[in-house]
Amino acid sequence: MKKTYLALLRGVNVGGKNRVPMAELRERLERLAFSNVKTYLASGNVILDSDRRPRWIREQIERALPEAFDLHDEVVKVLVLSRDQLEAVIDDRPEGFGDHPETYHSDAV
């Protein structure tokens, strides 16, 4: 059964290095048999569906990146989260974190 995952790519499209065009990344991930692949701007954030485990997804993406793109750092890391894991990050955020998006820009790390 396919599940939806969030893949966060660390170190891409930062300061002109490790340029990974999102349209090309989408196409590459679709060729790896992921479905419903969506990217967000040039952030390196990807939503995709797969029937595989997160570790396998991470390994496939980390292996495919240097094969498909000219990376300055061959070790681009990927974090793959399920919906439940992402919701746990949001639920466990520090008090007040993200409560005023119109005033403060907050990131989860």
PDB file of N, CA and C in Angstrom:
ATOM      1  N   MET A   1       0.842  -1.178   0.000  1.00  0.00           N
ATOM      2  CA  MET A   1       0.000   0.000   0.000  1.00  0.00           C
ATOM      3  C   MET A   1       0.889   1.244   0.000  1.00  0.00           C
ATOM      4  N   LYS A   2       0.582   2.168  -0.875  1.00  0.00           N
ATOM      5  CA  LYS A   2       1.373   3.388  -0.972  1.00  0.00           C
ATOM      6  C   LYS A   2       1.016   4.355   0.141  1.00  0.00           C
ATOM      7  N   LYS A   3       2.064   5.021   0.624  1.00  0.00           N
ATOM      8  CA  LYS A   3       1.915   6.063   1.632  1.00  0.00           C
ATOM      9  C   LYS A   3       2.538   7.341   1.085  1.00  0.00           C
ATOM     10  N   THR A   4       2.145   8.454   1.666  1.00  0.00           N
ATOM     11  CA  THR A   4       2.711   9.740   1.284  1.00  0.00           C
ATOM     12  C   THR A   4       3.837  10.097   2.243  1.00  0.00           C
ATOM     13  N   TYR A   5       4.955  10.559   1.670  1.00  0.00           N
ATOM     14  CA  TYR A   5       6.127  10.932   2.446  1.00  0.00           C
ATOM     15  C   TYR A   5       6.594  12.329   2.066  1.00  0.00           C
ATOM     16  N   LEU A   6       7.279  12.962   3.005  1.00  0.00           N
ATOM     17  CA  LEU A   6       7.959  14.228   2.763  1.00  0.00           C
ATOM     18  C   LEU A   6       9.452  13.931   2.745  1.00  0.00           C
ATOM     19  N   ALA A   7      10.120  14.299   1.670  1.00  0.00           N
ATOM     20  CA  ALA A   7      11.572  14.137   1.581  1.00  0.00           C
ATOM     21  C   ALA A   7      12.191  15.532   1.611  1.00  0.00           C
ATOM     22  N   LEU A   8      13.081  15.751   2.571  1.00  0.00           N
ATOM     23  CA  LEU A   8      13.770  17.030   2.723  1.00  0.00           C
ATOM     24  C   LEU A   8      15.218  16.838   2.289  1.00  0.00           C
ATOM     25  N   LEU A   9      15.626  17.541   1.246  1.00  0.00           N
ATOM     26  CA  LEU A   9      16.979  17.421   0.718  1.00  0.00           C
ATOM     27  C   LEU A   9      17.838  18.529   1.310  1.00  0.00           C
ATOM     28  N   ARG A  10      18.870  18.160   2.061  1.00  0.00           N
ATOM     29  CA  ARG A  10      19.769  19.126   2.681  1.00  0.00           C
ATOM     30  C   ARG A  10      20.888  19.494   1.714  1.00  0.00           C
ATOM     31  N   GLY A  11      21.129  20.792   1.591  1.00  0.00           N
ATOM     32  CA  GLY A  11      22.291  21.252   0.843  1.00  0.00           C
ATOM     33  C   GLY A  11      22.102  21.421  -0.648  1.00  0.00           C
ATOM     34  N   VAL A  12      20.876  21.482  -1.134  1.00  0.00           N
ATOM     35  CA  VAL A  12      20.670  21.735  -2.561  1.00  0.00           C
ATOM     36  C   VAL A  12      20.153  23.162  -2.747  1.00  0.00           C
ATOM     37  N   ASN A  13      20.542  23.758  -3.876  1.00  0.00           N
ATOM     38  CA  ASN A  13      20.082  25.092  -4.267  1.00  0.00           C
ATOM     39  C   ASN A  13      20.372  26.150  -3.196  1.00  0.00           C
ATOM     40  N   VAL A  14      21.578  26.084  -2.633  1.00  0.00           N
ATOM     41  CA  VAL A  14      21.974  27.043  -1.605  1.00  0.00           C
ATOM     42  C   VAL A  14      23.206  27.794  -2.093  1.00  0.00           C
ATOM     43  N   GLY A  15      23.083  29.101  -2.182  1.00  0.00           N
ATOM     44  CA  GLY A  15      24.226  29.922  -2.567  1.00  0.00           C
ATOM     45  C   GLY A  15      24.801  29.585  -3.928  1.00  0.00           C
ATOM     46  N   GLY A  16      23.965  29.140  -4.855  1.00  0.00           N
ATOM     47  CA  GLY A  16      24.426  28.809  -6.192  1.00  0.00           C
ATOM     48  C   GLY A  16      25.126  27.466  -6.308  1.00  0.00           C
ATOM     49  N   LYS A  17      25.175  26.723  -5.224  1.00  0.00           N
ATOM     50  CA  LYS A  17      25.833  25.407  -5.258  1.00  0.00           C
ATOM     51  C   LYS A  17      24.790  24.297  -5.213  1.00  0.00           C
ATOM     52  N   ASN A  18      25.208  23.165  -5.730  1.00  0.00           N
ATOM     53  CA  ASN A  18      24.343  21.979  -5.746  1.00  0.00           C
ATOM     54  C   ASN A  18      22.988  22.293  -6.368  1.00  0.00           C
ATOM     55  N   ARG A  19      23.052  22.896  -7.550  1.00  0.00           N
ATOM     56  CA  ARG A  19      21.833  23.283  -8.255  1.00  0.00           C
ATOM     57  C   ARG A  19      21.061  22.046  -8.688  1.00  0.00           C
ATOM     58  N   VAL A  20      19.825  21.971  -8.217  1.00  0.00           N
ATOM     59  CA  VAL A  20      18.932  20.866  -8.561  1.00  0.00           C
ATOM     60  C   VAL A  20      17.605  21.479  -8.999  1.00  0.00           C
ATOM     61  N   PRO A  21      17.390  21.614 -10.314  1.00  0.00           N
ATOM     62  CA  PRO A  21      16.112  22.148 -10.788  1.00  0.00           C
ATOM     63  C   PRO A  21      14.970  21.217 -10.369  1.00  0.00           C
ATOM     64  N   MET A  22      13.937  21.785  -9.788  1.00  0.00           N
ATOM     65  CA  MET A  22      12.853  20.976  -9.234  1.00  0.00           C
ATOM     66  C   MET A  22      12.116  20.172 -10.297  1.00  0.00           C
ATOM     67  N   ALA A  23      11.944  20.719 -11.487  1.00  0.00           N
ATOM     68  CA  ALA A  23      11.270  19.952 -12.546  1.00  0.00           C
ATOM     69  C   ALA A  23      12.079  18.713 -12.909  1.00  0.00           C
ATOM     70  N   GLU A  24      13.405  18.857 -12.992  1.00  0.00           N
ATOM     71  CA  GLU A  24      14.262  17.711 -13.300  1.00  0.00           C
ATOM     72  C   GLU A  24      14.279  16.713 -12.143  1.00  0.00           C
ATOM     73  N   LEU A  25      14.252  17.222 -10.918  1.00  0.00           N
ATOM     74  CA  LEU A  25      14.194  16.330  -9.757  1.00  0.00           C
ATOM     75  C   LEU A  25      12.903  15.526  -9.771  1.00  0.00           C
ATOM     76  N   ARG A  26      11.787  16.194 -10.051  1.00  0.00           N
ATOM     77  CA  ARG A  26      10.494  15.492 -10.149  1.00  0.00           C
ATOM     78  C   ARG A  26      10.564  14.365 -11.164  1.00  0.00           C
ATOM     79  N   GLU A  27      11.087  14.685 -12.352  1.00  0.00           N
ATOM     80  CA  GLU A  27      11.184  13.674 -13.410  1.00  0.00           C
ATOM     81  C   GLU A  27      12.063  12.507 -12.981  1.00  0.00           C
ATOM     82  N   ARG A  28      13.181  12.814 -12.344  1.00  0.00           N
ATOM     83  CA  ARG A  28      14.105  11.763 -11.902  1.00  0.00           C
ATOM     84  C   ARG A  28      13.431  10.849 -10.874  1.00  0.00           C
ATOM     85  N   LEU A  29      12.719  11.445  -9.924  1.00  0.00           N
ATOM     86  CA  LEU A  29      12.057  10.641  -8.899  1.00  0.00           C
ATOM     87  C   LEU A  29      10.916   9.812  -9.486  1.00  0.00           C
ATOM     88  N   GLU A  30      10.235  10.337 -10.480  1.00  0.00           N
ATOM     89  CA  GLU A  30       9.189   9.552 -11.142  1.00  0.00           C
ATOM     90  C   GLU A  30       9.793   8.347 -11.853  1.00  0.00           C
ATOM     91  N   ARG A  31      10.997   8.518 -12.434  1.00  0.00           N
ATOM     92  CA  ARG A  31      11.677   7.385 -13.082  1.00  0.00           C
ATOM     93  C   ARG A  31      12.115   6.336 -12.062  1.00  0.00           C
ATOM     94  N   LEU A  32      12.253   6.751 -10.788  1.00  0.00           N
ATOM     95  CA  LEU A  32      12.586   5.799  -9.727  1.00  0.00           C
ATOM     96  C   LEU A  32      11.342   5.099  -9.188  1.00  0.00           C
ATOM     97  N   ALA A  33      10.213   5.300  -9.848  1.00  0.00           N
ATOM     98  CA  ALA A  33       8.942   4.642  -9.517  1.00  0.00           C
ATOM     99  C   ALA A  33       8.221   5.260  -8.332  1.00  0.00           C
ATOM    100  N   PHE A  34       8.552   6.498  -7.985  1.00  0.00           N
ATOM    101  CA  PHE A  34       7.742   7.214  -7.006  1.00  0.00           C
ATOM    102  C   PHE A  34       6.579   7.841  -7.765  1.00  0.00           C
ATOM    103  N   SER A  35       5.454   8.009  -7.097  1.00  0.00           N
ATOM    104  CA  SER A  35       4.296   8.601  -7.774  1.00  0.00           C
ATOM    105  C   SER A  35       3.836   9.853  -7.039  1.00  0.00           C
ATOM    106  N   ASN A  36       2.986  10.625  -7.724  1.00  0.00           N
ATOM    107  CA  ASN A  36       2.450  11.876  -7.182  1.00  0.00           C
ATOM    108  C   ASN A  36       3.566  12.764  -6.624  1.00  0.00           C
ATOM    109  N   VAL A  37       4.657  12.863  -7.351  1.00  0.00           N
ATOM    110  CA  VAL A  37       5.814  13.642  -6.910  1.00  0.00           C
ATOM    111  C   VAL A  37       5.520  15.124  -7.083  1.00  0.00           C
ATOM    112  N   LYS A  38       5.691  15.865  -5.987  1.00  0.00           N
ATOM    113  CA  LYS A  38       5.492  17.314  -6.010  1.00  0.00           C
ATOM    114  C   LYS A  38       6.673  17.961  -5.305  1.00  0.00           C
ATOM    115  N   THR A  39       7.124  19.090  -5.851  1.00  0.00           N
ATOM    116  CA  THR A  39       8.223  19.823  -5.227  1.00  0.00           C
ATOM    117  C   THR A  39       7.729  21.210  -4.840  1.00  0.00           C
ATOM    118  N   TYR A  40       8.475  21.846  -3.945  1.00  0.00           N
ATOM    119  CA  TYR A  40       8.106  23.180  -3.476  1.00  0.00           C
ATOM    120  C   TYR A  40       9.219  24.152  -3.830  1.00  0.00           C
ATOM    121  N   LEU A  41       8.919  25.041  -4.757  1.00  0.00           N
ATOM    122  CA  LEU A  41       9.878  26.045  -5.212  1.00  0.00           C
ATOM    123  C   LEU A  41      11.238  25.398  -5.446  1.00  0.00           C
ATOM    124  N   ALA A  42      12.319  26.043  -5.039  1.00  0.00           N
ATOM    125  CA  ALA A  42      13.660  25.468  -5.192  1.00  0.00           C
ATOM    126  C   ALA A  42      14.187  25.010  -3.838  1.00  0.00           C
ATOM    127  N   SER A  43      13.277  24.630  -2.954  1.00  0.00           N
ATOM    128  CA  SER A  43      13.626  24.354  -1.565  1.00  0.00           C
ATOM    129  C   SER A  43      14.296  23.005  -1.333  1.00  0.00           C
ATOM    130  N   GLY A  44      14.105  22.068  -2.256  1.00  0.00           N
ATOM    131  CA  GLY A  44      14.557  20.711  -1.997  1.00  0.00           C
ATOM    132  C   GLY A  44      13.554  19.926  -1.177  1.00  0.00           C
ATOM    133  N   ASN A  45      12.352  20.455  -1.010  1.00  0.00           N
ATOM    134  CA  ASN A  45      11.286  19.747  -0.307  1.00  0.00           C
ATOM    135  C   ASN A  45      10.434  19.016  -1.340  1.00  0.00           C
ATOM    136  N   VAL A  46      10.209  17.727  -1.097  1.00  0.00           N
ATOM    137  CA  VAL A  46       9.484  16.894  -2.051  1.00  0.00           C
ATOM    138  C   VAL A  46       8.429  16.082  -1.313  1.00  0.00           C
ATOM    139  N   ILE A  47       7.250  16.016  -1.881  1.00  0.00           N
ATOM    140  CA  ILE A  47       6.202  15.122  -1.396  1.00  0.00           C
ATOM    141  C   ILE A  47       6.048  14.046  -2.456  1.00  0.00           C
ATOM    142  N   LEU A  48       5.988  12.796  -2.019  1.00  0.00           N
ATOM    143  CA  LEU A  48       5.860  11.699  -2.977  1.00  0.00           C
ATOM    144  C   LEU A  48       5.136  10.531  -2.337  1.00  0.00           C
ATOM    145  N   ASP A  49       4.643   9.644  -3.170  1.00  0.00           N
ATOM    146  CA  ASP A  49       3.992   8.425  -2.715  1.00  0.00           C
ATOM    147  C   ASP A  49       4.880   7.236  -3.050  1.00  0.00           C
ATOM    148  N   SER A  50       4.917   6.271  -2.130  1.00  0.00           N
ATOM    149  CA  SER A  50       5.693   5.054  -2.352  1.00  0.00           C
ATOM    150  C   SER A  50       5.146   3.936  -1.471  1.00  0.00           C
ATOM    151  N   ASP A  51       5.345   2.717  -1.931  1.00  0.00           N
ATOM    152  CA  ASP A  51       4.974   1.561  -1.104  1.00  0.00           C
ATOM    153  C   ASP A  51       6.204   1.000  -0.382  1.00  0.00           C
ATOM    154  N   ARG A  52       7.331   1.718  -0.478  1.00  0.00           N
ATOM    155  CA  ARG A  52       8.566   1.293   0.160  1.00  0.00           C
ATOM    156  C   ARG A  52       8.759   1.992   1.500  1.00  0.00           C
ATOM    157  N   ARG A  53       9.705   1.501   2.280  1.00  0.00           N
ATOM    158  CA  ARG A  53      10.006   2.085   3.593  1.00  0.00           C
ATOM    159  C   ARG A  53      10.847   3.361   3.434  1.00  0.00           C
ATOM    160  N   PRO A  54      10.768   4.265   4.424  1.00  0.00           N
ATOM    161  CA  PRO A  54      11.516   5.532   4.351  1.00  0.00           C
ATOM    162  C   PRO A  54      13.019   5.352   4.109  1.00  0.00           C
ATOM    163  N   ARG A  55      13.617   4.363   4.745  1.00  0.00           N
ATOM    164  CA  ARG A  55      15.065   4.162   4.560  1.00  0.00           C
ATOM    165  C   ARG A  55      15.393   3.872   3.100  1.00  0.00           C
ATOM    166  N   TRP A  56      14.610   3.020   2.464  1.00  0.00           N
ATOM    167  CA  TRP A  56      14.826   2.685   1.060  1.00  0.00           C
ATOM    168  C   TRP A  56      14.643   3.918   0.191  1.00  0.00           C
ATOM    169  N   ILE A  57      13.610   4.708   0.480  1.00  0.00           N
ATOM    170  CA  ILE A  57      13.357   5.937  -0.278  1.00  0.00           C
ATOM    171  C   ILE A  57      14.563   6.865  -0.168  1.00  0.00           C
ATOM    172  N   ARG A  58      15.039   7.071   1.058  1.00  0.00           N
ATOM    173  CA  ARG A  58      16.196   7.940   1.284  1.00  0.00           C
ATOM    174  C   ARG A  58      17.409   7.454   0.495  1.00  0.00           C
ATOM    175  N   GLU A  59      17.693   6.174   0.581  1.00  0.00           N
ATOM    176  CA  GLU A  59      18.855   5.622  -0.110  1.00  0.00           C
ATOM    177  C   GLU A  59      18.758   5.808  -1.616  1.00  0.00           C
ATOM    178  N   GLN A  60      17.583   5.600  -2.180  1.00  0.00           N
ATOM    179  CA  GLN A  60      17.393   5.762  -3.625  1.00  0.00           C
ATOM    180  C   GLN A  60      17.611   7.209  -4.049  1.00  0.00           C
ATOM    181  N   ILE A  61      17.063   8.141  -3.289  1.00  0.00           N
ATOM    182  CA  ILE A  61      17.220   9.559  -3.637  1.00  0.00           C
ATOM    183  C   ILE A  61      18.679   9.979  -3.475  1.00  0.00           C
ATOM    184  N   GLU A  62      19.318   9.596  -2.373  1.00  0.00           N
ATOM    185  CA  GLU A  62      20.720   9.966  -2.163  1.00  0.00           C
ATOM    186  C   GLU A  62      21.631   9.379  -3.238  1.00  0.00           C
ATOM    187  N   ARG A  63      21.320   8.214  -3.734  1.00  0.00           N
ATOM    188  CA  ARG A  63      22.110   7.594  -4.801  1.00  0.00           C
ATOM    189  C   ARG A  63      21.855   8.282  -6.138  1.00  0.00           C
ATOM    190  N   ALA A  64      20.615   8.681  -6.389  1.00  0.00           N
ATOM    191  CA  ALA A  64      20.253   9.261  -7.683  1.00  0.00           C
ATOM    192  C   ALA A  64      20.761  10.691  -7.859  1.00  0.00           C
ATOM    193  N   LEU A  65      20.843  11.455  -6.784  1.00  0.00           N
ATOM    194  CA  LEU A  65      21.208  12.870  -6.914  1.00  0.00           C
ATOM    195  C   LEU A  65      22.556  13.090  -7.599  1.00  0.00           C
ATOM    196  N   PRO A  66      23.656  12.478  -7.128  1.00  0.00           N
ATOM    197  CA  PRO A  66      24.928  12.734  -7.802  1.00  0.00           C
ATOM    198  C   PRO A  66      25.011  12.138  -9.204  1.00  0.00           C
ATOM    199  N   GLU A  67      24.167  11.151  -9.490  1.00  0.00           N
ATOM    200  CA  GLU A  67      24.126  10.585 -10.842  1.00  0.00           C
ATOM    201  C   GLU A  67      23.442  11.536 -11.814  1.00  0.00           C
ATOM    202  N   ALA A  68      22.469  12.297 -11.319  1.00  0.00           N
ATOM    203  CA  ALA A  68      21.647  13.137 -12.191  1.00  0.00           C
ATOM    204  C   ALA A  68      22.072  14.599 -12.231  1.00  0.00           C
ATOM    205  N   PHE A  69      22.753  15.067 -11.192  1.00  0.00           N
ATOM    206  CA  PHE A  69      23.052  16.493 -11.075  1.00  0.00           C
ATOM    207  C   PHE A  69      24.525  16.710 -10.766  1.00  0.00           C
ATOM    208  N   ASP A  70      25.041  17.866 -11.193  1.00  0.00           N
ATOM    209  CA  ASP A  70      26.428  18.239 -10.948  1.00  0.00           C
ATOM    210  C   ASP A  70      26.522  18.858  -9.564  1.00  0.00           C
ATOM    211  N   LEU A  71      26.828  18.040  -8.572  1.00  0.00           N
ATOM    212  CA  LEU A  71      26.874  18.499  -7.195  1.00  0.00           C
ATOM    213  C   LEU A  71      28.305  18.809  -6.777  1.00  0.00           C
ATOM    214  N   HIS A  72      28.482  19.915  -6.055  1.00  0.00           N
ATOM    215  CA  HIS A  72      29.794  20.264  -5.514  1.00  0.00           C
ATOM    216  C   HIS A  72      30.115  19.365  -4.330  1.00  0.00           C
ATOM    217  N   ASP A  73      29.095  18.977  -3.609  1.00  0.00           N
ATOM    218  CA  ASP A  73      29.245  18.090  -2.454  1.00  0.00           C
ATOM    219  C   ASP A  73      28.474  16.819  -2.774  1.00  0.00           C
ATOM    220  N   GLU A  74      29.184  15.737  -2.987  1.00  0.00           N
ATOM    221  CA  GLU A  74      28.541  14.476  -3.366  1.00  0.00           C
ATOM    222  C   GLU A  74      27.695  13.895  -2.243  1.00  0.00           C
ATOM    223  N   VAL A  75      27.814  14.445  -1.030  1.00  0.00           N
ATOM    224  CA  VAL A  75      27.094  13.898   0.105  1.00  0.00           C
ATOM    225  C   VAL A  75      25.939  14.830   0.475  1.00  0.00           C
ATOM    226  N   VAL A  76      24.928  14.828  -0.344  1.00  0.00           N
ATOM    227  CA  VAL A  76      23.699  15.553  -0.032  1.00  0.00           C
ATOM    228  C   VAL A  76      22.820  14.587   0.741  1.00  0.00           C
ATOM    229  N   LYS A  77      22.380  14.994   1.908  1.00  0.00           N
ATOM    230  CA  LYS A  77      21.597  14.114   2.768  1.00  0.00           C
ATOM    231  C   LYS A  77      20.107  14.348   2.586  1.00  0.00           C
ATOM    232  N   VAL A  78      19.345  13.291   2.777  1.00  0.00           N
ATOM    233  CA  VAL A  78      17.896  13.330   2.615  1.00  0.00           C
ATOM    234  C   VAL A  78      17.246  12.798   3.885  1.00  0.00           C
ATOM    235  N   LEU A  79      16.235  13.491   4.342  1.00  0.00           N
ATOM    236  CA  LEU A  79      15.424  13.031   5.469  1.00  0.00           C
ATOM    237  C   LEU A  79      14.038  12.726   4.926  1.00  0.00           C
ATOM    238  N   VAL A  80      13.542  11.525   5.185  1.00  0.00           N
ATOM    239  CA  VAL A  80      12.226  11.115   4.710  1.00  0.00           C
ATOM    240  C   VAL A  80      11.313  10.936   5.923  1.00  0.00           C
ATOM    241  N   LEU A  81      10.195  11.651   5.916  1.00  0.00           N
ATOM    242  CA  LEU A  81       9.240  11.600   7.021  1.00  0.00           C
ATOM    243  C   LEU A  81       7.877  11.139   6.530  1.00  0.00           C
ATOM    244  N   SER A  82       7.237  10.304   7.321  1.00  0.00           N
ATOM    245  CA  SER A  82       5.849   9.947   7.044  1.00  0.00           C
ATOM    246  C   SER A  82       4.952  11.079   7.529  1.00  0.00           C
ATOM    247  N   ARG A  83       3.704  11.017   7.181  1.00  0.00           N
ATOM    248  CA  ARG A  83       2.750  12.032   7.647  1.00  0.00           C
ATOM    249  C   ARG A  83       2.701  12.066   9.174  1.00  0.00           C
ATOM    250  N   ASP A  84       2.673  10.882   9.801  1.00  0.00           N
ATOM    251  CA  ASP A  84       2.631  10.820  11.263  1.00  0.00           C
ATOM    252  C   ASP A  84       3.876  11.450  11.883  1.00  0.00           C
ATOM    253  N   GLN A  85       5.038  11.200  11.291  1.00  0.00           N
ATOM    254  CA  GLN A  85       6.270  11.780  11.829  1.00  0.00           C
ATOM    255  C   GLN A  85       6.270  13.300  11.684  1.00  0.00           C
ATOM    256  N   LEU A  86       5.813  13.805  10.548  1.00  0.00           N
ATOM    257  CA  LEU A  86       5.746  15.256  10.351  1.00  0.00           C
ATOM    258  C   LEU A  86       4.759  15.887  11.330  1.00  0.00           C
ATOM    259  N   GLU A  87       3.615  15.249  11.525  1.00  0.00           N
ATOM    260  CA  GLU A  87       2.643  15.772  12.484  1.00  0.00           C
ATOM    261  C   GLU A  87       3.214  15.772  13.900  1.00  0.00           C
ATOM    262  N   ALA A  88       4.042  14.779  14.239  1.00  0.00           N
ATOM    263  CA  ALA A  88       4.669  14.741  15.564  1.00  0.00           C
ATOM    264  C   ALA A  88       5.636  15.910  15.733  1.00  0.00           C
ATOM    265  N   VAL A  89       6.364  16.265  14.684  1.00  0.00           N
ATOM    266  CA  VAL A  89       7.262  17.424  14.743  1.00  0.00           C
ATOM    267  C   VAL A  89       6.453  18.681  15.030  1.00  0.00           C
ATOM    268  N   ILE A  90       5.340  18.837  14.336  1.00  0.00           N
ATOM    269  CA  ILE A  90       4.496  20.016  14.522  1.00  0.00           C
ATOM    270  C   ILE A  90       3.868  20.018  15.909  1.00  0.00           C
ATOM    271  N   ASP A  91       3.354  18.877  16.329  1.00  0.00           N
ATOM    272  CA  ASP A  91       2.700  18.787  17.645  1.00  0.00           C
ATOM    273  C   ASP A  91       3.669  19.019  18.797  1.00  0.00           C
ATOM    274  N   ASP A  92       4.924  18.626  18.619  1.00  0.00           N
ATOM    275  CA  ASP A  92       5.916  18.739  19.690  1.00  0.00           C
ATOM    276  C   ASP A  92       6.737  20.027  19.620  1.00  0.00           C
ATOM    277  N   ARG A  93       6.300  20.969  18.826  1.00  0.00           N
ATOM    278  CA  ARG A  93       7.058  22.215  18.700  1.00  0.00           C
ATOM    279  C   ARG A  93       7.032  22.979  20.024  1.00  0.00           C
ATOM    280  N   PRO A  94       8.039  23.823  20.245  1.00  0.00           N
ATOM    281  CA  PRO A  94       8.042  24.625  21.477  1.00  0.00           C
ATOM    282  C   PRO A  94       6.814  25.540  21.532  1.00  0.00           C
ATOM    283  N   GLU A  95       6.368  25.830  22.716  1.00  0.00           N
ATOM    284  CA  GLU A  95       5.206  26.697  22.902  1.00  0.00           C
ATOM    285  C   GLU A  95       5.425  28.025  22.196  1.00  0.00           C
ATOM    286  N   GLY A  96       4.444  28.431  21.421  1.00  0.00           N
ATOM    287  CA  GLY A  96       4.496  29.696  20.703  1.00  0.00           C
ATOM    288  C   GLY A  96       5.163  29.629  19.345  1.00  0.00           C
ATOM    289  N   PHE A  97       5.887  28.546  19.073  1.00  0.00           N
ATOM    290  CA  PHE A  97       6.599  28.407  17.802  1.00  0.00           C
ATOM    291  C   PHE A  97       5.596  28.305  16.658  1.00  0.00           C
ATOM    292  N   GLY A  98       5.638  29.263  15.746  1.00  0.00           N
ATOM    293  CA  GLY A  98       4.757  29.247  14.576  1.00  0.00           C
ATOM    294  C   GLY A  98       3.390  29.843  14.810  1.00  0.00           C
ATOM    295  N   ASP A  99       3.150  30.410  15.996  1.00  0.00           N
ATOM    296  CA  ASP A  99       1.824  30.960  16.297  1.00  0.00           C
ATOM    297  C   ASP A  99       1.547  32.299  15.625  1.00  0.00           C
ATOM    298  N   HIS A 100       2.591  32.978  15.137  1.00  0.00           N
ATOM    299  CA  HIS A 100       2.416  34.299  14.523  1.00  0.00           C
ATOM    300  C   HIS A 100       3.145  34.371  13.178  1.00  0.00           C
ATOM    301  N   PRO A 101       2.679  33.600  12.189  1.00  0.00           N
ATOM    302  CA  PRO A 101       3.394  33.564  10.906  1.00  0.00           C
ATOM    303  C   PRO A 101       3.408  34.909  10.185  1.00  0.00           C
ATOM    304  N   GLU A 102       2.462  35.774  10.513  1.00  0.00           N
ATOM    305  CA  GLU A 102       2.459  37.090   9.876  1.00  0.00           C
ATOM    306  C   GLU A 102       3.577  37.984  10.417  1.00  0.00           C
ATOM    307  N   THR A 103       4.120  37.641  11.584  1.00  0.00           N
ATOM    308  CA  THR A 103       5.182  38.429  12.218  1.00  0.00           C
ATOM    309  C   THR A 103       6.528  37.728  12.165  1.00  0.00           C
ATOM    310  N   TYR A 104       6.539  36.413  12.443  1.00  0.00           N
ATOM    311  CA  TYR A 104       7.790  35.664  12.538  1.00  0.00           C
ATOM    312  C   TYR A 104       7.808  34.521  11.524  1.00  0.00           C
ATOM    313  N   HIS A 105       8.950  34.354  10.895  1.00  0.00           N
ATOM    314  CA  HIS A 105       9.162  33.222   9.994  1.00  0.00           C
ATOM    315  C   HIS A 105       9.812  32.109  10.801  1.00  0.00           C
ATOM    316  N   SER A 106       9.178  30.956  10.891  1.00  0.00           N
ATOM    317  CA  SER A 106       9.697  29.850  11.700  1.00  0.00           C
ATOM    318  C   SER A 106      10.009  28.655  10.813  1.00  0.00           C
ATOM    319  N   ASP A 107      11.097  28.006  11.126  1.00  0.00           N
ATOM    320  CA  ASP A 107      11.486  26.781  10.428  1.00  0.00           C
ATOM    321  C   ASP A 107      11.622  25.664  11.455  1.00  0.00           C
ATOM    322  N   ALA A 108      11.301  24.456  11.052  1.00  0.00           N
ATOM    323  CA  ALA A 108      11.528  23.285  11.899  1.00  0.00           C
ATOM    324  C   ALA A 108      12.803  22.623  11.436  1.00  0.00           C
ATOM    325  N   VAL A 109      13.652  22.278  12.368  1.00  0.00           N
ATOM    326  CA  VAL A 109      14.920  21.643  12.029  1.00  0.00           C
ATOM    327  C   VAL A 109      14.981  20.289  12.704  1.00  0.00           C
TER     328      VAL A 109
END
